[in-house]
Amino acid sequence: MEAHLRMVYWKGEHYWLGKLLDHPEIMSQGETLEELEENLRDAYREMVLDDVPAEHSIKEIVV
């Protein structure tokens, strides 16, 4: 299951900086925009899947 996330980003003095709009507590940096995106993806996955074991299942539910 893919999550589509939006990020806001800007060029700092030395690095690209950014945060996720839907999760503003998740911020990161990178030497390139690609590295910033990868770092934000990793931070999101770590936050969402922090206590989920490696062997798990995903199912969409309707609410």
C-alpha atoms as a PDB file:
ATOM      1  CA  MET A   1       0.000   0.000   0.000  1.00  0.00           C
ATOM      2  CA  GLU A   2       1.458   3.317  -1.041  1.00  0.00           C
ATOM      3  CA  ALA A   3       1.082   6.521   0.891  1.00  0.00           C
ATOM      4  CA  HIS A   4       1.148   9.754  -1.061  1.00  0.00           C
ATOM      5  CA  LEU A   5       2.756  12.448   1.023  1.00  0.00           C
ATOM      6  CA  ARG A   6       3.293  16.133   0.319  1.00  0.00           C
ATOM      7  CA  MET A   7       6.413  17.881   1.445  1.00  0.00           C
ATOM      8  CA  VAL A   8       7.357  21.517   1.794  1.00  0.00           C
ATOM      9  CA  TYR A   9      11.048  22.170   1.188  1.00  0.00           C
ATOM     10  CA  TRP A  10      13.602  24.923   0.866  1.00  0.00           C
ATOM     11  CA  LYS A  11      17.306  25.419   0.318  1.00  0.00           C
ATOM     12  CA  GLY A  12      19.144  26.192   3.524  1.00  0.00           C
ATOM     13  CA  GLU A  13      22.678  27.476   3.807  1.00  0.00           C
ATOM     14  CA  HIS A  14      24.216  24.019   3.307  1.00  0.00           C
ATOM     15  CA  TYR A  15      21.379  21.496   2.779  1.00  0.00           C
ATOM     16  CA  TRP A  16      17.894  21.103   1.392  1.00  0.00           C
ATOM     17  CA  LEU A  17      15.438  21.097   4.316  1.00  0.00           C
ATOM     18  CA  GLY A  18      11.886  19.865   4.369  1.00  0.00           C
ATOM     19  CA  LYS A  19       8.941  18.530   6.312  1.00  0.00           C
ATOM     20  CA  LEU A  20       5.828  16.541   5.543  1.00  0.00           C
ATOM     21  CA  LEU A  21       2.711  18.720   5.368  1.00  0.00           C
ATOM     22  CA  ASP A  22       0.453  16.005   6.794  1.00  0.00           C
ATOM     23  CA  HIS A  23       2.991  15.141   9.515  1.00  0.00           C
ATOM     24  CA  PRO A  24       4.819  18.416  10.319  1.00  0.00           C
ATOM     25  CA  GLU A  25       6.651  16.724  13.165  1.00  0.00           C
ATOM     26  CA  ILE A  26       8.649  14.816  10.527  1.00  0.00           C
ATOM     27  CA  MET A  27      11.493  16.990   9.256  1.00  0.00           C
ATOM     28  CA  SER A  28      14.744  16.103   7.529  1.00  0.00           C
ATOM     29  CA  GLN A  29      17.543  17.392   5.342  1.00  0.00           C
ATOM     30  CA  GLY A  30      19.619  16.242   2.392  1.00  0.00           C
ATOM     31  CA  GLU A  31      22.478  17.371   0.206  1.00  0.00           C
ATOM     32  CA  THR A  32      20.156  16.972  -2.822  1.00  0.00           C
ATOM     33  CA  LEU A  33      16.379  17.029  -3.259  1.00  0.00           C
ATOM     34  CA  GLU A  34      16.477  13.307  -3.974  1.00  0.00           C
ATOM     35  CA  GLU A  35      18.314  12.647  -0.703  1.00  0.00           C
ATOM     36  CA  LEU A  36      15.841  14.859   1.166  1.00  0.00           C
ATOM     37  CA  GLU A  37      12.912  12.886  -0.278  1.00  0.00           C
ATOM     38  CA  GLU A  38      14.560   9.583   0.648  1.00  0.00           C
ATOM     39  CA  ASN A  39      15.257  10.799   4.190  1.00  0.00           C
ATOM     40  CA  LEU A  40      11.663  11.984   4.627  1.00  0.00           C
ATOM     41  CA  ARG A  41      10.373   8.618   3.322  1.00  0.00           C
ATOM     42  CA  ASP A  42      12.607   6.753   5.771  1.00  0.00           C
ATOM     43  CA  ALA A  43      11.532   8.976   8.675  1.00  0.00           C
ATOM     44  CA  TYR A  44       7.850   8.466   7.795  1.00  0.00           C
ATOM     45  CA  ARG A  45       8.218   4.687   7.582  1.00  0.00           C
ATOM     46  CA  GLU A  46      10.087   4.598  10.879  1.00  0.00           C
ATOM     47  CA  MET A  47       7.383   6.653  12.602  1.00  0.00           C
ATOM     48  CA  VAL A  48       4.462   4.688  11.143  1.00  0.00           C
ATOM     49  CA  LEU A  49       6.007   1.207  11.342  1.00  0.00           C
ATOM     50  CA  ASP A  50       8.125   1.716  14.485  1.00  0.00           C
ATOM     51  CA  ASP A  51       6.650  -1.151  16.505  1.00  0.00           C
ATOM     52  CA  VAL A  52       5.449  -3.347  13.617  1.00  0.00           C
ATOM     53  CA  PRO A  53       7.357  -6.633  13.137  1.00  0.00           C
ATOM     54  CA  ALA A  54       9.109  -7.317   9.836  1.00  0.00           C
ATOM     55  CA  GLU A  55       6.576 -10.042   9.017  1.00  0.00           C
ATOM     56  CA  HIS A  56       3.250  -8.207   8.816  1.00  0.00           C
ATOM     57  CA  SER A  57       0.220  -7.858   6.566  1.00  0.00           C
ATOM     58  CA  ILE A  58      -1.559  -4.777   5.242  1.00  0.00           C
ATOM     59  CA  LYS A  59      -5.247  -4.551   4.466  1.00  0.00           C
ATOM     60  CA  GLU A  60      -7.346  -1.553   3.502  1.00  0.00           C
ATOM     61  CA  ILE A  61     -10.425  -1.023   5.591  1.00  0.00           C
ATOM     62  CA  VAL A  62     -13.394   1.206   4.872  1.00  0.00           C
ATOM     63  CA  VAL A  63     -14.356   3.689   7.556  1.00  0.00           C
END
